[in-house]
């Protein structure tokens, strides 16, 4: 019989548990402890159906299932958010939002269709409720997000055809003027739903991220897994800082310094422990995403010295989505 492994549950677990279950920190502590115990037993026990010396394939824990479910919703946001923002932004550059007519000195009227980019959201809505654990607040927010995004997509498709065929020349912008208020309202409704869904995901994910970082440090100490978690959290910290209103010069310098330091430490560890880095599935993609995000972070910091930084802010958002998606794909127990 193998003695029970003890594991100290971090105090920050309350953030995730409030959104996941009513059993508070005890349940997550048990989940983590069970996982550690299972890993210890796997290293000394050989099942009847296994060859001597092999390890059982790790079964997903509740933590793993929660992370996979959150990744499903995050992929929806990653694939759809920037396209919807870009579509509406392109429309406002050619159309007077108040009148729906041509914008004086504006670009050629154009709206990008976005329906195809909503497929991951349909998948998240359909599959999310079937996966455990139940997350009613996120699941409801996902449904509302898809509804508002679909409404926007329908109008975007109609306007895309209208402007593409230059029908405004035949009807003196009548249809464009008629649909403009609805299009603006649809975008505003989507924005509100996007903020709600993002907030619900972050409430759960923040606690889970901290728990998994603590678990990585407790089980292995400094490692690729631990350094990757720290770099991801630093990227998240800078992206959160960039949401401040007003966003002023120097306000995110501390977060940027942390980001630079942790990315450098991760890359230094990877170079000094090449065999370990080579065993991390998706590491090159995560490293590239971190590089893009760090460049955007410095570009935003530079742009804040001027007055215009909207494009830098959007690029930062997009690349943060890429960092998160690449991090979600990391696997530390697989070969390339």
Protein backbone atom coordinates (compact mmCIF):
# COMPACT_ATOMS: atom_id res chain seq x y z
CA UNK A 1 0.00 0.00 0.00
CA UNK A 2 1.34 3.41 -0.92
CA UNK A 3 1.07 6.13 1.72
CA UNK A 4 -1.19 9.03 0.90
CA UNK A 5 0.51 12.06 -0.67
CA UNK A 6 -0.31 15.40 0.93
CA UNK A 7 -0.63 18.60 -1.11
CA UNK A 8 -1.18 22.11 0.16
CA UNK A 9 -4.06 23.79 -1.67
CA UNK A 10 -3.37 27.47 -2.46
CA UNK A 11 -5.58 30.08 -0.79
CA UNK A 12 -6.39 31.62 -4.18
CA UNK A 13 -8.52 28.58 -5.07
CA UNK A 14 -11.61 30.40 -3.80
CA UNK A 15 -11.84 32.43 -7.02
CA UNK A 16 -12.41 29.43 -9.22
CA UNK A 17 -14.50 27.44 -6.79
CA UNK A 18 -17.07 30.15 -6.26
CA UNK A 19 -17.90 29.80 -9.93
CA UNK A 20 -17.64 26.03 -10.22
CA UNK A 21 -19.17 24.38 -7.17
CA UNK A 22 -20.39 24.94 -3.65
CA UNK A 23 -17.88 22.60 -2.03
CA UNK A 24 -15.22 25.36 -1.94
CA UNK A 25 -11.50 24.75 -1.63
CA UNK A 26 -11.84 21.29 -0.17
CA UNK A 27 -13.08 19.80 -3.41
CA UNK A 28 -10.32 21.27 -5.57
CA UNK A 29 -7.79 20.27 -2.93
CA UNK A 30 -9.06 16.72 -3.15
CA UNK A 31 -8.92 16.79 -6.95
CA UNK A 32 -5.30 17.97 -6.94
CA UNK A 33 -4.35 15.53 -4.19
CA UNK A 34 -6.00 12.67 -6.07
CA UNK A 35 -4.07 13.58 -9.20
CA UNK A 36 -0.74 13.67 -7.36
CA UNK A 37 -1.52 10.35 -5.69
CA UNK A 38 -2.51 8.79 -9.02
CA UNK A 39 0.73 9.92 -10.60
CA UNK A 40 2.77 8.44 -7.76
CA UNK A 41 0.91 5.14 -7.99
CA UNK A 42 1.34 5.07 -11.78
CA UNK A 43 5.09 5.23 -11.36
CA UNK A 44 5.23 2.12 -9.16
CA UNK A 45 2.26 0.05 -10.31
CA UNK A 46 2.10 -2.03 -13.47
CA UNK A 47 -1.37 -3.13 -14.49
CA UNK A 48 -2.15 -6.64 -15.72
CA UNK A 49 -2.61 -5.44 -19.30
CA UNK A 50 0.62 -3.46 -19.40
CA UNK A 51 4.13 -4.39 -20.34
CA UNK A 52 6.53 -4.24 -17.38
CA UNK A 53 7.93 -0.78 -16.82
CA UNK A 54 5.26 1.12 -18.77
CA UNK A 55 2.99 3.76 -17.26
CA UNK A 56 -0.76 3.95 -17.55
CA UNK A 57 -2.14 6.70 -19.77
CA UNK A 58 -3.10 9.56 -17.41
CA UNK A 59 -6.84 9.95 -17.09
CA UNK A 60 -8.19 13.51 -17.23
CA UNK A 61 -8.91 15.00 -13.82
CA UNK A 62 -11.71 17.43 -13.04
CA UNK A 63 -9.13 20.19 -13.47
CA UNK A 64 -8.27 18.92 -16.95
CA UNK A 65 -11.92 18.69 -17.93
CA UNK A 66 -12.56 22.20 -16.67
CA UNK A 67 -9.59 23.56 -18.62
CA UNK A 68 -10.74 21.78 -21.80
CA UNK A 69 -14.25 23.16 -21.43
CA UNK A 70 -13.00 26.70 -20.91
CA UNK A 71 -10.76 26.32 -23.96
CA UNK A 72 -13.86 25.52 -26.02
CA UNK A 73 -15.40 28.88 -25.13
CA UNK A 74 -12.12 30.71 -25.49
CA UNK A 75 -11.72 29.36 -29.02
CA UNK A 76 -15.12 30.83 -29.89
CA UNK A 77 -13.98 34.25 -28.69
CA UNK A 78 -10.61 33.96 -30.41
CA UNK A 79 -12.11 33.09 -33.78
CA UNK A 80 -15.04 35.50 -33.76
CA UNK A 81 -14.20 38.60 -31.72
CA UNK A 82 -11.61 40.25 -33.95
CA UNK A 83 -13.59 39.52 -37.12
CA UNK A 84 -16.73 41.15 -35.77
CA UNK A 85 -14.76 44.19 -34.54
CA UNK A 86 -13.00 44.46 -37.90
CA UNK A 87 -16.26 44.13 -39.85
CA UNK A 88 -17.98 46.87 -37.90
CA UNK A 89 -14.89 49.07 -37.94
CA UNK A 90 -14.62 48.78 -41.71
CA UNK A 91 -18.27 49.81 -42.03
CA UNK A 92 -17.78 52.92 -39.89
CA UNK A 93 -14.87 54.04 -42.09
CA UNK A 94 -17.14 54.32 -45.12
CA UNK A 95 -20.57 55.00 -43.64
CA UNK A 96 -21.90 57.79 -41.45
CA UNK A 97 -23.15 55.86 -38.42
CA UNK A 98 -25.81 58.47 -37.60
CA UNK A 99 -27.38 58.64 -41.04
CA UNK A 100 -26.41 55.36 -42.68
CA UNK A 101 -25.32 57.30 -45.77
CA UNK A 102 -21.90 57.82 -47.26
CA UNK A 103 -19.28 59.26 -44.94
CA UNK A 104 -17.75 62.43 -46.33
CA UNK A 105 -14.18 61.63 -47.29
CA UNK A 106 -14.66 58.07 -46.08
CA UNK A 107 -13.53 54.79 -47.55
CA UNK A 108 -15.56 52.73 -50.00
CA UNK A 109 -18.54 51.28 -48.08
CA UNK A 110 -17.78 47.72 -47.12
CA UNK A 111 -18.78 45.14 -44.50
CA UNK A 112 -16.98 41.86 -43.97
CA UNK A 113 -19.17 38.74 -43.62
CA UNK A 114 -18.53 36.90 -40.36
CA UNK A 115 -20.89 33.93 -40.36
CA UNK A 116 -18.14 31.35 -41.01
CA UNK A 117 -16.20 32.60 -37.98
CA UNK A 118 -19.11 31.69 -35.70
CA UNK A 119 -18.72 27.94 -36.24
CA UNK A 120 -16.54 27.49 -33.11
CA UNK A 121 -19.24 29.34 -31.16
CA UNK A 122 -21.93 26.99 -32.41
CA UNK A 123 -19.75 24.09 -31.38
CA UNK A 124 -19.15 25.61 -27.94
CA UNK A 125 -22.87 26.18 -27.45
CA UNK A 126 -23.81 22.67 -28.55
CA UNK A 127 -21.02 20.75 -26.83
CA UNK A 128 -20.41 22.87 -23.77
CA UNK A 129 -23.51 21.83 -21.88
CA UNK A 130 -22.65 18.16 -22.50
CA UNK A 131 -19.23 18.46 -20.88
CA UNK A 132 -18.51 18.46 -17.17
CA UNK A 133 -18.35 20.31 -14.91
CA UNK A 134 -21.56 22.28 -15.33
CA UNK A 135 -20.93 26.02 -15.63
CA UNK A 136 -24.43 27.53 -15.88
CA UNK A 137 -23.32 31.18 -15.87
CA UNK A 138 -20.83 30.61 -18.70
CA UNK A 139 -23.18 28.36 -20.63
CA UNK A 140 -25.97 30.97 -20.48
CA UNK A 141 -23.54 33.73 -21.46
CA UNK A 142 -22.34 31.58 -24.38
CA UNK A 143 -25.91 31.19 -25.64
CA UNK A 144 -26.47 34.94 -25.49
CA UNK A 145 -23.14 35.58 -27.20
CA UNK A 146 -24.03 33.29 -30.09
CA UNK A 147 -27.48 34.87 -30.43
CA UNK A 148 -26.10 38.40 -30.63
CA UNK A 149 -23.21 37.38 -32.88
CA UNK A 150 -25.63 35.59 -35.21
CA UNK A 151 -27.85 38.68 -35.41
CA UNK A 152 -24.82 40.78 -36.28
CA UNK A 153 -23.68 38.20 -38.85
CA UNK A 154 -27.08 38.20 -40.57
CA UNK A 155 -27.04 41.97 -41.00
CA UNK A 156 -23.37 41.93 -42.01
CA UNK A 157 -24.19 39.42 -44.74
CA UNK A 158 -27.05 41.56 -46.03
CA UNK A 159 -24.94 44.71 -46.05
CA UNK A 160 -22.02 42.88 -47.66
CA UNK A 161 -24.24 42.00 -50.61
CA UNK A 162 -25.72 45.50 -50.70
CA UNK A 163 -22.39 47.33 -50.77
CA UNK A 164 -20.69 44.70 -52.90
CA UNK A 165 -23.27 45.12 -55.66
CA UNK A 166 -23.18 48.90 -55.17
CA UNK A 167 -26.96 48.83 -54.82
CA UNK A 168 -26.74 52.13 -52.94
CA UNK A 169 -26.28 53.80 -56.31
CA UNK A 170 -29.71 52.58 -57.41
CA UNK A 171 -31.71 53.30 -54.24
CA UNK A 172 -29.88 56.45 -53.09
CA UNK A 173 -28.67 54.66 -49.93
CA UNK A 174 -32.22 53.90 -48.82
CA UNK A 175 -31.56 50.33 -47.65
CA UNK A 176 -28.25 51.30 -46.09
CA UNK A 177 -29.94 54.07 -44.11
CA UNK A 178 -32.73 51.72 -43.06
CA UNK A 179 -30.36 49.04 -41.76
CA UNK A 180 -27.79 51.33 -40.12
CA UNK A 181 -29.58 51.66 -36.73
CA UNK A 182 -30.16 47.90 -36.57
CA UNK A 183 -26.53 47.19 -37.44
CA UNK A 184 -25.25 49.54 -34.75
CA UNK A 185 -27.67 48.07 -32.21
CA UNK A 186 -26.59 44.55 -33.15
CA UNK A 187 -22.94 45.46 -32.63
CA UNK A 188 -23.67 47.08 -29.27
CA UNK A 189 -25.64 44.02 -28.14
CA UNK A 190 -22.81 41.75 -29.24
CA UNK A 191 -20.27 43.89 -27.38
CA UNK A 192 -22.28 43.63 -24.18
CA UNK A 193 -22.59 39.86 -24.58
CA UNK A 194 -18.87 39.58 -25.33
CA UNK A 195 -17.96 41.45 -22.14
CA UNK A 196 -20.29 39.24 -20.10
CA UNK A 197 -18.95 35.99 -21.57
CA UNK A 198 -15.35 37.13 -21.20
CA UNK A 199 -15.94 38.13 -17.59
CA UNK A 200 -17.57 34.83 -16.69
CA UNK A 201 -14.76 32.84 -18.31
CA UNK A 202 -12.08 34.91 -16.62
CA UNK A 203 -13.67 34.55 -13.19
CA UNK A 204 -13.29 30.79 -13.39
CA UNK A 205 -10.09 30.67 -15.39
CA UNK A 206 -8.12 33.03 -13.16
CA UNK A 207 -8.47 30.73 -10.19
CA UNK A 208 -7.70 27.66 -12.26
CA UNK A 209 -4.58 29.27 -13.72
CA UNK A 210 -3.24 30.07 -10.25
CA UNK A 211 -3.99 26.56 -9.03
CA UNK A 212 -2.24 24.93 -11.96
CA UNK A 213 0.81 27.15 -11.53
CA UNK A 214 1.00 26.20 -7.85
CA UNK A 215 0.55 22.55 -8.77
CA UNK A 216 3.34 22.71 -11.36
CA UNK A 217 5.69 24.26 -8.85
CA UNK A 218 4.78 21.83 -6.10
CA UNK A 219 5.15 18.73 -8.25
CA UNK A 220 8.22 19.63 -10.28
CA UNK A 221 9.72 22.89 -9.09
CA UNK A 222 11.15 25.05 -11.90
CA UNK A 223 10.40 23.31 -15.19
CA UNK A 224 9.11 24.02 -18.69
CA UNK A 225 5.59 23.58 -17.41
CA UNK A 226 6.13 26.04 -14.55
CA UNK A 227 7.90 28.64 -16.71
CA UNK A 228 5.22 28.40 -19.44
CA UNK A 229 2.51 29.04 -16.84
CA UNK A 230 4.36 32.05 -15.47
CA UNK A 231 4.89 33.54 -18.93
CA UNK A 232 1.23 33.04 -19.82
CA UNK A 233 0.14 34.75 -16.59
CA UNK A 234 2.47 37.67 -17.33
CA UNK A 235 0.92 38.05 -20.80
CA UNK A 236 -2.51 37.98 -19.23
CA UNK A 237 -1.43 40.59 -16.69
CA UNK A 238 -0.30 43.02 -19.37
CA UNK A 239 -3.44 42.47 -21.46
CA UNK A 240 -5.58 43.18 -18.39
CA UNK A 241 -3.59 46.33 -17.70
CA UNK A 242 -4.19 47.50 -21.26
CA UNK A 243 -7.92 47.58 -20.56
CA UNK A 244 -7.56 50.48 -18.12
CA UNK A 245 -9.52 53.60 -18.92
CA UNK A 246 -7.86 55.99 -19.28
CA UNK A 247 -4.82 54.16 -20.54
CA UNK A 248 -1.90 56.48 -19.90
CA UNK A 249 1.85 56.52 -20.51
CA UNK A 250 3.73 54.34 -18.03
CA UNK A 251 0.68 52.81 -16.38
CA UNK A 252 1.58 49.32 -17.62
CA UNK A 253 5.36 49.59 -17.39
CA UNK A 254 5.48 47.25 -14.40
CA UNK A 255 3.38 44.63 -16.19
CA UNK A 256 5.60 44.98 -19.27
CA UNK A 257 8.74 44.48 -17.21
CA UNK A 258 7.25 41.34 -15.67
CA UNK A 259 6.32 40.04 -19.12
CA UNK A 260 9.80 40.65 -20.52
CA UNK A 261 11.42 38.99 -17.51
CA UNK A 262 9.28 35.88 -17.53
CA UNK A 263 9.53 35.35 -21.28
CA UNK A 264 13.31 35.68 -21.03
CA UNK A 265 13.39 33.21 -18.12
CA UNK A 266 11.25 30.73 -20.06
CA UNK A 267 13.44 30.93 -23.14
CA UNK A 268 16.59 30.70 -21.06
CA UNK A 269 15.25 27.58 -19.35
CA UNK A 270 14.30 26.05 -22.70
CA UNK A 271 17.78 26.67 -24.10
CA UNK A 272 19.43 25.23 -21.03
CA UNK A 273 17.12 22.19 -20.89
CA UNK A 274 16.72 21.38 -24.57
CA UNK A 275 15.68 17.76 -24.07
CA UNK A 276 12.88 18.84 -21.75
CA UNK A 277 11.74 21.56 -24.17
CA UNK A 278 11.70 19.08 -27.05
CA UNK A 279 9.19 16.93 -25.17
CA UNK A 280 6.68 19.79 -24.87
CA UNK A 281 4.04 19.49 -27.57
CA UNK A 282 3.18 22.85 -29.20
CA UNK A 283 6.13 24.65 -27.58
CA UNK A 284 7.36 26.36 -30.82
CA UNK A 285 3.87 27.76 -31.46
CA UNK A 286 3.56 29.02 -27.89
CA UNK A 287 7.01 30.61 -28.10
CA UNK A 288 6.09 32.34 -31.38
CA UNK A 289 2.79 33.59 -29.95
CA UNK A 290 4.62 35.01 -26.93
CA UNK A 291 7.06 36.75 -29.27
CA UNK A 292 4.24 38.38 -31.26
CA UNK A 293 2.44 39.45 -28.10
CA UNK A 294 5.59 40.91 -26.53
CA UNK A 295 6.27 42.94 -29.67
CA UNK A 296 2.70 44.25 -29.54
CA UNK A 297 3.08 45.11 -25.86
CA UNK A 298 6.15 47.24 -26.58
CA UNK A 299 4.43 48.81 -29.61
CA UNK A 300 1.47 49.77 -27.43
CA UNK A 301 3.76 51.23 -24.75
CA UNK A 302 5.44 53.34 -27.45
CA UNK A 303 2.12 54.37 -29.00
CA UNK A 304 0.84 55.62 -25.65
CA UNK A 305 3.35 58.45 -25.92
CA UNK A 306 1.21 59.73 -28.77
CA UNK A 307 -2.56 60.01 -28.99
CA UNK A 308 -3.50 57.20 -31.36
CA UNK A 309 -3.10 53.59 -30.22
CA UNK A 310 -6.32 51.87 -31.30
CA UNK A 311 -4.62 49.67 -33.89
CA UNK A 312 -1.91 48.64 -31.41
CA UNK A 313 -4.56 47.79 -28.84
CA UNK A 314 -6.48 45.60 -31.27
CA UNK A 315 -3.29 43.81 -32.37
CA UNK A 316 -2.47 43.18 -28.71
CA UNK A 317 -5.93 41.69 -28.09
CA UNK A 318 -5.64 39.40 -31.10
CA UNK A 319 -2.20 38.13 -30.18
CA UNK A 320 -3.22 37.60 -26.57
CA UNK A 321 -5.95 35.31 -27.90
CA UNK A 322 -3.21 33.46 -29.79
CA UNK A 323 -1.07 33.15 -26.66
CA UNK A 324 -4.00 31.71 -24.75
CA UNK A 325 -4.89 29.27 -27.52
CA UNK A 326 -1.28 28.11 -27.89
CA UNK A 327 -0.97 27.70 -24.12
CA UNK A 328 -4.14 25.60 -24.06
CA UNK A 329 -2.55 23.31 -26.66
CA UNK A 330 0.62 22.72 -24.65
CA UNK A 331 1.13 19.18 -23.45
CA UNK A 332 4.04 18.41 -21.18
CA UNK A 333 3.78 14.62 -21.23
CA UNK A 334 3.84 13.95 -24.98
CA UNK A 335 6.53 13.61 -27.60
CA UNK A 336 6.46 15.76 -30.77
